[in-house]
Amino acid sequence: MTARRIRVERLIAILGAAVLILGALLLWLVTRSGGLGGGELSAEDRARAQLRGLVGPGAVVRYTEIGRRRAVCGYVSTDAGLVSFISRPNRILLETDPLKAEFDEMLRDVCPGFLTRAPGSQAPRP
């Protein structure tokens, strides 16, 4: 009975040490930069990824502004020219989308100071 008790106590000690080592390893992984999930994308990187999915791999973001509630507003070069966009965490809208009224309303809401002309274009002269 004594030999069996020593084996059980030894097993408990080994398992306890294994739990502590695994806990320390997990703590180290989580506290490293990026953690286990690799970190969250910046708002601009998220917008670029959304645009590549919607417009294609040739989409080039020309200008961005950070808006309210994690939104990004900006301009992207497409086959149709320079197009403004609004990127939200779970949605992206282009000014050329059929939902133009929704785009304009969202633009006023999340990016009220966003440029209304493409960068580099001139204002009409009176």
C-alpha atoms as a PDB file:
ATOM      1  CA  MET A   1       0.000   0.000   0.000  1.00  0.00           C
ATOM      2  CA  THR A   2       2.871   2.364   0.756  1.00  0.00           C
ATOM      3  CA  ALA A   3       4.508   1.861  -2.651  1.00  0.00           C
ATOM      4  CA  ARG A   4       1.210   2.614  -4.378  1.00  0.00           C
ATOM      5  CA  ARG A   5       0.745   5.774  -2.285  1.00  0.00           C
ATOM      6  CA  ILE A   6       4.235   6.979  -3.276  1.00  0.00           C
ATOM      7  CA  ARG A   7       3.449   6.405  -6.973  1.00  0.00           C
ATOM      8  CA  VAL A   8       0.169   8.358  -6.704  1.00  0.00           C
ATOM      9  CA  GLU A   9       1.889  11.235  -4.907  1.00  0.00           C
ATOM     10  CA  ARG A  10       4.667  11.232  -7.513  1.00  0.00           C
ATOM     11  CA  LEU A  11       2.067  11.257 -10.318  1.00  0.00           C
ATOM     12  CA  ILE A  12       0.255  14.192  -8.672  1.00  0.00           C
ATOM     13  CA  ALA A  13       3.555  16.092  -8.383  1.00  0.00           C
ATOM     14  CA  ILE A  14       4.456  15.418 -12.044  1.00  0.00           C
ATOM     15  CA  LEU A  15       1.009  16.455 -13.266  1.00  0.00           C
ATOM     16  CA  GLY A  16       1.116  19.583 -11.088  1.00  0.00           C
ATOM     17  CA  ALA A  17       4.495  20.554 -12.547  1.00  0.00           C
ATOM     18  CA  ALA A  18       3.187  19.925 -16.083  1.00  0.00           C
ATOM     19  CA  VAL A  19       0.186  22.182 -15.434  1.00  0.00           C
ATOM     20  CA  LEU A  20       2.447  24.951 -14.129  1.00  0.00           C
ATOM     21  CA  ILE A  21       4.795  24.667 -17.122  1.00  0.00           C
ATOM     22  CA  LEU A  22       1.897  24.741 -19.607  1.00  0.00           C
ATOM     23  CA  GLY A  23       0.343  27.696 -17.792  1.00  0.00           C
ATOM     24  CA  ALA A  24       3.610  29.610 -17.952  1.00  0.00           C
ATOM     25  CA  LEU A  25       3.957  28.791 -21.661  1.00  0.00           C
ATOM     26  CA  LEU A  26       0.404  30.007 -22.395  1.00  0.00           C
ATOM     27  CA  LEU A  27       0.981  33.182 -20.395  1.00  0.00           C
ATOM     28  CA  TRP A  28       4.156  33.851 -22.360  1.00  0.00           C
ATOM     29  CA  LEU A  29       2.367  33.304 -25.702  1.00  0.00           C
ATOM     30  CA  VAL A  30      -0.548  35.576 -24.779  1.00  0.00           C
ATOM     31  CA  THR A  31       1.615  38.418 -23.483  1.00  0.00           C
ATOM     32  CA  ARG A  32       3.866  38.475 -26.549  1.00  0.00           C
ATOM     33  CA  SER A  33       3.012  41.170 -29.081  1.00  0.00           C
ATOM     34  CA  GLY A  34       0.161  39.859 -31.192  1.00  0.00           C
ATOM     35  CA  GLY A  35      -0.822  37.149 -28.743  1.00  0.00           C
ATOM     36  CA  LEU A  36      -2.287  33.896 -29.972  1.00  0.00           C
ATOM     37  CA  GLY A  37      -4.551  35.492 -32.587  1.00  0.00           C
ATOM     38  CA  GLY A  38      -1.832  37.403 -34.404  1.00  0.00           C
ATOM     39  CA  GLY A  39      -3.249  40.803 -33.453  1.00  0.00           C
ATOM     40  CA  GLU A  40      -6.009  42.895 -34.940  1.00  0.00           C
ATOM     41  CA  LEU A  41      -5.576  44.702 -38.248  1.00  0.00           C
ATOM     42  CA  SER A  42      -5.408  48.469 -38.229  1.00  0.00           C
ATOM     43  CA  ALA A  43      -8.436  50.248 -39.689  1.00  0.00           C
ATOM     44  CA  GLU A  44      -6.502  51.142 -42.859  1.00  0.00           C
ATOM     45  CA  ASP A  45      -5.283  47.559 -43.329  1.00  0.00           C
ATOM     46  CA  ARG A  46      -8.835  46.296 -42.832  1.00  0.00           C
ATOM     47  CA  ALA A  47     -10.062  48.730 -45.511  1.00  0.00           C
ATOM     48  CA  ARG A  48      -7.337  47.595 -47.930  1.00  0.00           C
ATOM     49  CA  ALA A  49      -8.308  43.950 -47.401  1.00  0.00           C
ATOM     50  CA  GLN A  50     -12.005  44.742 -47.943  1.00  0.00           C
ATOM     51  CA  LEU A  51     -11.207  46.694 -51.106  1.00  0.00           C
ATOM     52  CA  ARG A  52      -9.044  43.899 -52.517  1.00  0.00           C
ATOM     53  CA  GLY A  53     -12.008  41.558 -52.014  1.00  0.00           C
ATOM     54  CA  LEU A  54     -14.546  43.947 -53.568  1.00  0.00           C
ATOM     55  CA  VAL A  55     -12.573  45.742 -56.298  1.00  0.00           C
ATOM     56  CA  GLY A  56      -9.831  43.186 -56.923  1.00  0.00           C
ATOM     57  CA  PRO A  57      -6.123  42.803 -56.271  1.00  0.00           C
ATOM     58  CA  GLY A  58      -5.354  45.914 -58.335  1.00  0.00           C
ATOM     59  CA  ALA A  59      -7.148  48.237 -55.895  1.00  0.00           C
ATOM     60  CA  VAL A  60      -4.808  51.007 -54.753  1.00  0.00           C
ATOM     61  CA  VAL A  61      -5.847  53.096 -51.763  1.00  0.00           C
ATOM     62  CA  ARG A  62      -4.903  56.716 -52.503  1.00  0.00           C
ATOM     63  CA  TYR A  63      -6.129  58.512 -49.382  1.00  0.00           C
ATOM     64  CA  THR A  64      -7.718  57.617 -46.041  1.00  0.00           C
ATOM     65  CA  GLU A  65      -9.207  59.414 -43.047  1.00  0.00           C
ATOM     66  CA  ILE A  66     -10.202  57.801 -39.774  1.00  0.00           C
ATOM     67  CA  GLY A  67     -13.874  58.387 -39.061  1.00  0.00           C
ATOM     68  CA  ARG A  68     -16.193  57.760 -36.150  1.00  0.00           C
ATOM     69  CA  ARG A  69     -17.002  54.308 -34.755  1.00  0.00           C
ATOM     70  CA  ARG A  70     -13.992  52.549 -36.324  1.00  0.00           C
ATOM     71  CA  ALA A  71     -14.835  53.726 -39.850  1.00  0.00           C
ATOM     72  CA  VAL A  72     -12.307  54.646 -42.535  1.00  0.00           C
ATOM     73  CA  CYS A  73     -13.187  56.934 -45.424  1.00  0.00           C
ATOM     74  CA  GLY A  74     -10.980  57.388 -48.423  1.00  0.00           C
ATOM     75  CA  TYR A  75     -10.318  57.131 -52.141  1.00  0.00           C
ATOM     76  CA  VAL A  76      -9.334  54.042 -54.113  1.00  0.00           C
ATOM     77  CA  SER A  77      -8.132  53.762 -57.703  1.00  0.00           C
ATOM     78  CA  THR A  78     -10.268  51.388 -59.745  1.00  0.00           C
ATOM     79  CA  ASP A  79     -10.836  50.701 -63.437  1.00  0.00           C
ATOM     80  CA  ALA A  80     -13.556  53.380 -63.273  1.00  0.00           C
ATOM     81  CA  GLY A  81     -11.115  55.968 -61.867  1.00  0.00           C
ATOM     82  CA  LEU A  82     -10.843  57.432 -58.398  1.00  0.00           C
ATOM     83  CA  VAL A  83     -13.778  56.311 -56.218  1.00  0.00           C
ATOM     84  CA  SER A  84     -14.520  57.224 -52.601  1.00  0.00           C
ATOM     85  CA  PHE A  85     -15.277  54.485 -50.077  1.00  0.00           C
ATOM     86  CA  ILE A  86     -16.426  53.982 -46.496  1.00  0.00           C
ATOM     87  CA  SER A  87     -15.041  50.987 -44.638  1.00  0.00           C
ATOM     88  CA  ARG A  88     -16.733  49.724 -41.480  1.00  0.00           C
ATOM     89  CA  PRO A  89     -15.530  46.633 -39.572  1.00  0.00           C
ATOM     90  CA  ASN A  90     -18.134  44.411 -41.217  1.00  0.00           C
ATOM     91  CA  ARG A  91     -19.015  46.341 -44.391  1.00  0.00           C
ATOM     92  CA  ILE A  92     -17.592  48.482 -47.174  1.00  0.00           C
ATOM     93  CA  LEU A  93     -19.474  50.859 -49.471  1.00  0.00           C
ATOM     94  CA  LEU A  94     -18.270  52.585 -52.630  1.00  0.00           C
ATOM     95  CA  GLU A  95     -19.780  55.791 -53.956  1.00  0.00           C
ATOM     96  CA  THR A  96     -20.529  53.898 -57.190  1.00  0.00           C
ATOM     97  CA  ASP A  97     -22.716  51.332 -55.384  1.00  0.00           C
ATOM     98  CA  PRO A  98     -26.436  51.366 -56.198  1.00  0.00           C
ATOM     99  CA  LEU A  99     -27.087  52.422 -52.581  1.00  0.00           C
ATOM    100  CA  LYS A 100     -25.919  56.009 -53.204  1.00  0.00           C
ATOM    101  CA  ALA A 101     -28.357  57.546 -50.683  1.00  0.00           C
ATOM    102  CA  GLU A 102     -27.151  55.128 -47.990  1.00  0.00           C
ATOM    103  CA  PHE A 103     -23.532  55.921 -48.889  1.00  0.00           C
ATOM    104  CA  ASP A 104     -24.142  59.680 -48.604  1.00  0.00           C
ATOM    105  CA  GLU A 105     -25.961  59.300 -45.275  1.00  0.00           C
ATOM    106  CA  MET A 106     -23.233  57.077 -43.840  1.00  0.00           C
ATOM    107  CA  LEU A 107     -20.560  59.500 -45.087  1.00  0.00           C
ATOM    108  CA  ARG A 108     -22.244  62.391 -43.246  1.00  0.00           C
ATOM    109  CA  ASP A 109     -22.582  60.236 -40.132  1.00  0.00           C
ATOM    110  CA  VAL A 110     -19.150  58.594 -39.794  1.00  0.00           C
ATOM    111  CA  CYS A 111     -16.891  61.001 -41.734  1.00  0.00           C
ATOM    112  CA  PRO A 112     -18.551  64.416 -41.553  1.00  0.00           C
ATOM    113  CA  GLY A 113     -15.403  66.334 -42.540  1.00  0.00           C
ATOM    114  CA  PHE A 114     -14.385  64.015 -45.374  1.00  0.00           C
ATOM    115  CA  LEU A 115     -13.226  65.651 -48.572  1.00  0.00           C
ATOM    116  CA  THR A 116     -15.966  65.985 -51.148  1.00  0.00           C
ATOM    117  CA  ARG A 117     -13.601  66.357 -54.124  1.00  0.00           C
ATOM    118  CA  ALA A 118     -10.927  63.938 -55.195  1.00  0.00           C
ATOM    119  CA  PRO A 119      -7.453  64.961 -53.957  1.00  0.00           C
ATOM    120  CA  GLY A 120      -5.686  67.175 -56.472  1.00  0.00           C
ATOM    121  CA  SER A 121      -8.827  68.229 -58.329  1.00  0.00           C
ATOM    122  CA  GLN A 122      -9.575  71.919 -58.612  1.00  0.00           C
ATOM    123  CA  ALA A 123     -12.672  73.645 -57.350  1.00  0.00           C
ATOM    124  CA  PRO A 124     -14.915  75.063 -60.065  1.00  0.00           C
ATOM    125  CA  ARG A 125     -14.219  78.696 -60.814  1.00  0.00           C
ATOM    126  CA  PRO A 126     -17.121  81.180 -60.703  1.00  0.00           C
END
